[in-house]
Amino acid sequence: MLYKADTERGKLWARLLAQKAPEIPFRLWPDLGDPATVRYLVAWQPPVDVMQRCPISK
């Protein structure tokens, strides 16, 4: 999961996912890691080229 919105809320998401769904890797924008591993995008304003940068699986 790649989160691109409020950083403080992102930290809350990170804690909750670590507790409730530890199998889902979580990253805060701009830390993409390996873009090929991004399956979910949570964004208030997604980057224009997000689909090119992260080939999110369907």
PDB file of N, CA and C in Angstrom:
ATOM      1  N   MET A   1       0.845  -1.166   0.000  1.00  0.00           N
ATOM      2  CA  MET A   1       0.000   0.000   0.000  1.00  0.00           C
ATOM      3  C   MET A   1       0.892   1.231   0.000  1.00  0.00           C
ATOM      4  N   LEU A   2       0.590   2.136  -0.893  1.00  0.00           N
ATOM      5  CA  LEU A   2       1.299   3.409  -0.954  1.00  0.00           C
ATOM      6  C   LEU A   2       0.325   4.504  -0.534  1.00  0.00           C
ATOM      7  N   TYR A   3       0.707   5.277   0.469  1.00  0.00           N
ATOM      8  CA  TYR A   3      -0.136   6.330   1.018  1.00  0.00           C
ATOM      9  C   TYR A   3       0.453   7.681   0.653  1.00  0.00           C
ATOM     10  N   LYS A   4      -0.363   8.516  -0.017  1.00  0.00           N
ATOM     11  CA  LYS A   4       0.089   9.867  -0.385  1.00  0.00           C
ATOM     12  C   LYS A   4      -0.985  10.869   0.031  1.00  0.00           C
ATOM     13  N   ALA A   5      -0.875  11.322   1.246  1.00  0.00           N
ATOM     14  CA  ALA A   5      -1.778  12.339   1.779  1.00  0.00           C
ATOM     15  C   ALA A   5      -1.100  12.899   3.028  1.00  0.00           C
ATOM     16  N   ASP A   6      -1.880  13.300   4.001  1.00  0.00           N
ATOM     17  CA  ASP A   6      -1.345  13.891   5.224  1.00  0.00           C
ATOM     18  C   ASP A   6      -0.380  12.922   5.919  1.00  0.00           C
ATOM     19  N   THR A   7       0.831  13.376   6.178  1.00  0.00           N
ATOM     20  CA  THR A   7       1.873  12.524   6.755  1.00  0.00           C
ATOM     21  C   THR A   7       1.501  12.013   8.140  1.00  0.00           C
ATOM     22  N   GLU A   8       0.928  12.848   8.982  1.00  0.00           N
ATOM     23  CA  GLU A   8       0.550  12.410  10.330  1.00  0.00           C
ATOM     24  C   GLU A   8      -0.518  11.325  10.274  1.00  0.00           C
ATOM     25  N   ARG A   9      -1.490  11.483   9.397  1.00  0.00           N
ATOM     26  CA  ARG A   9      -2.499  10.431   9.230  1.00  0.00           C
ATOM     27  C   ARG A   9      -1.866   9.173   8.651  1.00  0.00           C
ATOM     28  N   GLY A  10      -0.893   9.356   7.779  1.00  0.00           N
ATOM     29  CA  GLY A  10      -0.181   8.215   7.213  1.00  0.00           C
ATOM     30  C   GLY A  10       0.503   7.394   8.287  1.00  0.00           C
ATOM     31  N   LYS A  11       1.053   8.063   9.278  1.00  0.00           N
ATOM     32  CA  LYS A  11       1.693   7.352  10.390  1.00  0.00           C
ATOM     33  C   LYS A  11       0.661   6.547  11.175  1.00  0.00           C
ATOM     34  N   LEU A  12      -0.539   7.096  11.318  1.00  0.00           N
ATOM     35  CA  LEU A  12      -1.621   6.370  11.983  1.00  0.00           C
ATOM     36  C   LEU A  12      -2.011   5.143  11.160  1.00  0.00           C
ATOM     37  N   TRP A  13      -2.162   5.321   9.853  1.00  0.00           N
ATOM     38  CA  TRP A  13      -2.455   4.185   8.965  1.00  0.00           C
ATOM     39  C   TRP A  13      -1.385   3.114   9.124  1.00  0.00           C
ATOM     40  N   ALA A  14      -0.129   3.526   9.145  1.00  0.00           N
ATOM     41  CA  ALA A  14       0.976   2.571   9.256  1.00  0.00           C
ATOM     42  C   ALA A  14       0.840   1.742  10.539  1.00  0.00           C
ATOM     43  N   ARG A  15       0.548   2.390  11.655  1.00  0.00           N
ATOM     44  CA  ARG A  15       0.392   1.676  12.929  1.00  0.00           C
ATOM     45  C   ARG A  15      -0.796   0.715  12.884  1.00  0.00           C
ATOM     46  N   LEU A  16      -1.927   1.187  12.363  1.00  0.00           N
ATOM     47  CA  LEU A  16      -3.122   0.348  12.301  1.00  0.00           C
ATOM     48  C   LEU A  16      -2.929  -0.855  11.383  1.00  0.00           C
ATOM     49  N   LEU A  17      -2.320  -0.634  10.224  1.00  0.00           N
ATOM     50  CA  LEU A  17      -2.088  -1.754   9.315  1.00  0.00           C
ATOM     51  C   LEU A  17      -1.098  -2.753   9.898  1.00  0.00           C
ATOM     52  N   ALA A  18      -0.099  -2.265  10.603  1.00  0.00           N
ATOM     53  CA  ALA A  18       0.863  -3.166  11.233  1.00  0.00           C
ATOM     54  C   ALA A  18       0.160  -4.078  12.240  1.00  0.00           C
ATOM     55  N   GLN A  19      -0.863  -3.554  12.905  1.00  0.00           N
ATOM     56  CA  GLN A  19      -1.606  -4.337  13.889  1.00  0.00           C
ATOM     57  C   GLN A  19      -2.651  -5.245  13.236  1.00  0.00           C
ATOM     58  N   LYS A  20      -3.410  -4.688  12.306  1.00  0.00           N
ATOM     59  CA  LYS A  20      -4.587  -5.380  11.756  1.00  0.00           C
ATOM     60  C   LYS A  20      -4.306  -6.184  10.494  1.00  0.00           C
ATOM     61  N   ALA A  21      -3.314  -5.764   9.711  1.00  0.00           N
ATOM     62  CA  ALA A  21      -3.014  -6.433   8.441  1.00  0.00           C
ATOM     63  C   ALA A  21      -1.512  -6.394   8.173  1.00  0.00           C
ATOM     64  N   PRO A  22      -0.737  -7.053   9.021  1.00  0.00           N
ATOM     65  CA  PRO A  22       0.718  -6.974   8.888  1.00  0.00           C
ATOM     66  C   PRO A  22       1.248  -7.555   7.574  1.00  0.00           C
ATOM     67  N   GLU A  23       0.428  -8.321   6.876  1.00  0.00           N
ATOM     68  CA  GLU A  23       0.852  -8.893   5.598  1.00  0.00           C
ATOM     69  C   GLU A  23       0.852  -7.874   4.458  1.00  0.00           C
ATOM     70  N   ILE A  24       0.277  -6.688   4.699  1.00  0.00           N
ATOM     71  CA  ILE A  24       0.243  -5.646   3.669  1.00  0.00           C
ATOM     72  C   ILE A  24       1.393  -4.676   3.910  1.00  0.00           C
ATOM     73  N   PRO A  25       2.381  -4.662   3.022  1.00  0.00           N
ATOM     74  CA  PRO A  25       3.472  -3.691   3.164  1.00  0.00           C
ATOM     75  C   PRO A  25       2.919  -2.269   3.009  1.00  0.00           C
ATOM     76  N   PHE A  26       3.395  -1.361   3.836  1.00  0.00           N
ATOM     77  CA  PHE A  26       2.887   0.017   3.828  1.00  0.00           C
ATOM     78  C   PHE A  26       4.039   0.982   3.605  1.00  0.00           C
ATOM     79  N   ARG A  27       3.835   1.931   2.692  1.00  0.00           N
ATOM     80  CA  ARG A  27       4.855   2.950   2.415  1.00  0.00           C
ATOM     81  C   ARG A  27       4.207   4.325   2.386  1.00  0.00           C
ATOM     82  N   LEU A  28       4.956   5.299   2.903  1.00  0.00           N
ATOM     83  CA  LEU A  28       4.532   6.700   2.854  1.00  0.00           C
ATOM     84  C   LEU A  28       5.237   7.389   1.696  1.00  0.00           C
ATOM     85  N   TRP A  29       4.485   8.090   0.881  1.00  0.00           N
ATOM     86  CA  TRP A  29       5.033   8.863  -0.233  1.00  0.00           C
ATOM     87  C   TRP A  29       6.053   9.839   0.297  1.00  0.00           C
ATOM     88  N   PRO A  30       7.192  10.032  -0.283  1.00  0.00           N
ATOM     89  CA  PRO A  30       7.644   9.573  -1.598  1.00  0.00           C
ATOM     90  C   PRO A  30       8.448   8.276  -1.555  1.00  0.00           C
ATOM     91  N   ASP A  31       8.413   7.552  -0.436  1.00  0.00           N
ATOM     92  CA  ASP A  31       9.155   6.299  -0.328  1.00  0.00           C
ATOM     93  C   ASP A  31       8.403   5.191  -1.065  1.00  0.00           C
ATOM     94  N   LEU A  32       8.677   5.053  -2.364  1.00  0.00           N
ATOM     95  CA  LEU A  32       8.005   4.055  -3.179  1.00  0.00           C
ATOM     96  C   LEU A  32       8.501   2.645  -2.941  1.00  0.00           C
ATOM     97  N   GLY A  33       9.760   2.510  -2.605  1.00  0.00           N
ATOM     98  CA  GLY A  33      10.324   1.171  -2.579  1.00  0.00           C
ATOM     99  C   GLY A  33      10.327   0.640  -3.998  1.00  0.00           C
ATOM    100  N   ASP A  34      10.002  -0.629  -4.160  1.00  0.00           N
ATOM    101  CA  ASP A  34       9.896  -1.222  -5.490  1.00  0.00           C
ATOM    102  C   ASP A  34       8.499  -0.935  -6.025  1.00  0.00           C
ATOM    103  N   PRO A  35       8.350  -0.054  -7.031  1.00  0.00           N
ATOM    104  CA  PRO A  35       7.022   0.304  -7.545  1.00  0.00           C
ATOM    105  C   PRO A  35       6.213  -0.897  -8.019  1.00  0.00           C
ATOM    106  N   ALA A  36       6.874  -1.954  -8.442  1.00  0.00           N
ATOM    107  CA  ALA A  36       6.159  -3.134  -8.928  1.00  0.00           C
ATOM    108  C   ALA A  36       5.410  -3.856  -7.810  1.00  0.00           C
ATOM    109  N   THR A  37       5.730  -3.557  -6.554  1.00  0.00           N
ATOM    110  CA  THR A  37       5.070  -4.231  -5.433  1.00  0.00           C
ATOM    111  C   THR A  37       3.860  -3.460  -4.910  1.00  0.00           C
ATOM    112  N   VAL A  38       3.597  -2.274  -5.444  1.00  0.00           N
ATOM    113  CA  VAL A  38       2.454  -1.466  -4.987  1.00  0.00           C
ATOM    114  C   VAL A  38       1.168  -2.063  -5.540  1.00  0.00           C
ATOM    115  N   ARG A  39       0.274  -2.477  -4.641  1.00  0.00           N
ATOM    116  CA  ARG A  39      -1.016  -3.035  -5.056  1.00  0.00           C
ATOM    117  C   ARG A  39      -2.162  -2.081  -4.761  1.00  0.00           C
ATOM    118  N   TYR A  40      -1.977  -1.184  -3.794  1.00  0.00           N
ATOM    119  CA  TYR A  40      -3.026  -0.263  -3.383  1.00  0.00           C
ATOM    120  C   TYR A  40      -2.445   1.138  -3.281  1.00  0.00           C
ATOM    121  N   LEU A  41      -3.242   2.122  -3.683  1.00  0.00           N
ATOM    122  CA  LEU A  41      -2.852   3.524  -3.556  1.00  0.00           C
ATOM    123  C   LEU A  41      -3.927   4.244  -2.769  1.00  0.00           C
ATOM    124  N   VAL A  42      -3.513   4.923  -1.709  1.00  0.00           N
ATOM    125  CA  VAL A  42      -4.401   5.774  -0.932  1.00  0.00           C
ATOM    126  C   VAL A  42      -3.856   7.180  -1.117  1.00  0.00           C
ATOM    127  N   ALA A  43      -4.636   8.041  -1.784  1.00  0.00           N
ATOM    128  CA  ALA A  43      -4.121   9.376  -2.107  1.00  0.00           C
ATOM    129  C   ALA A  43      -5.242  10.401  -2.146  1.00  0.00           C
ATOM    130  N   TRP A  44      -4.945  11.552  -1.591  1.00  0.00           N
ATOM    131  CA  TRP A  44      -5.870  12.676  -1.685  1.00  0.00           C
ATOM    132  C   TRP A  44      -5.733  13.290  -3.068  1.00  0.00           C
ATOM    133  N   GLN A  45      -4.526  13.503  -3.504  1.00  0.00           N
ATOM    134  CA  GLN A  45      -4.245  14.017  -4.841  1.00  0.00           C
ATOM    135  C   GLN A  45      -3.167  13.125  -5.465  1.00  0.00           C
ATOM    136  N   PRO A  46      -3.580  12.099  -6.199  1.00  0.00           N
ATOM    137  CA  PRO A  46      -2.585  11.189  -6.769  1.00  0.00           C
ATOM    138  C   PRO A  46      -1.689  11.910  -7.770  1.00  0.00           C
ATOM    139  N   PRO A  47      -0.425  11.507  -7.846  1.00  0.00           N
ATOM    140  CA  PRO A  47       0.469  12.094  -8.835  1.00  0.00           C
ATOM    141  C   PRO A  47      -0.054  11.800 -10.237  1.00  0.00           C
ATOM    142  N   VAL A  48       0.173  12.710 -11.152  1.00  0.00           N
ATOM    143  CA  VAL A  48      -0.316  12.565 -12.523  1.00  0.00           C
ATOM    144  C   VAL A  48       0.189  11.267 -13.147  1.00  0.00           C
ATOM    145  N   ASP A  49       1.420  10.923 -12.906  1.00  0.00           N
ATOM    146  CA  ASP A  49       2.030   9.755 -13.542  1.00  0.00           C
ATOM    147  C   ASP A  49       2.039   8.511 -12.663  1.00  0.00           C
ATOM    148  N   VAL A  50       1.120   8.422 -11.712  1.00  0.00           N
ATOM    149  CA  VAL A  50       1.162   7.317 -10.762  1.00  0.00           C
ATOM    150  C   VAL A  50       1.045   5.957 -11.442  1.00  0.00           C
ATOM    151  N   MET A  51       0.245   5.828 -12.465  1.00  0.00           N
ATOM    152  CA  MET A  51       0.088   4.535 -13.120  1.00  0.00           C
ATOM    153  C   MET A  51       1.346   4.128 -13.878  1.00  0.00           C
ATOM    154  N   GLN A  52       2.111   5.094 -14.345  1.00  0.00           N
ATOM    155  CA  GLN A  52       3.359   4.779 -15.003  1.00  0.00           C
ATOM    156  C   GLN A  52       4.449   4.422 -13.982  1.00  0.00           C
ATOM    157  N   ARG A  53       4.416   5.104 -12.849  1.00  0.00           N
ATOM    158  CA  ARG A  53       5.431   4.877 -11.811  1.00  0.00           C
ATOM    159  C   ARG A  53       5.164   3.609 -11.019  1.00  0.00           C
ATOM    160  N   CYS A  54       3.886   3.311 -10.802  1.00  0.00           N
ATOM    161  CA  CYS A  54       3.503   2.145  -9.997  1.00  0.00           C
ATOM    162  C   CYS A  54       2.477   1.345 -10.789  1.00  0.00           C
ATOM    163  N   PRO A  55       2.895   0.313 -11.455  1.00  0.00           N
ATOM    164  CA  PRO A  55       1.924  -0.486 -12.221  1.00  0.00           C
ATOM    165  C   PRO A  55       1.026  -1.288 -11.284  1.00  0.00           C
ATOM    166  N   ILE A  56       0.088  -0.589 -10.649  1.00  0.00           N
ATOM    167  CA  ILE A  56      -0.782  -1.199  -9.640  1.00  0.00           C
ATOM    168  C   ILE A  56      -1.575  -2.330 -10.280  1.00  0.00           C
ATOM    169  N   SER A  57      -1.490  -3.496  -9.672  1.00  0.00           N
ATOM    170  CA  SER A  57      -2.194  -4.662 -10.238  1.00  0.00           C
ATOM    171  C   SER A  57      -3.688  -4.516 -10.037  1.00  0.00           C
ATOM    172  N   LYS A  58      -4.432  -5.111 -10.945  1.00  0.00           N
ATOM    173  CA  LYS A  58      -5.892  -5.002 -10.903  1.00  0.00           C
ATOM    174  C   LYS A  58      -6.505  -6.191 -10.219  1.00  0.00           C
TER     175      LYS A  58
END
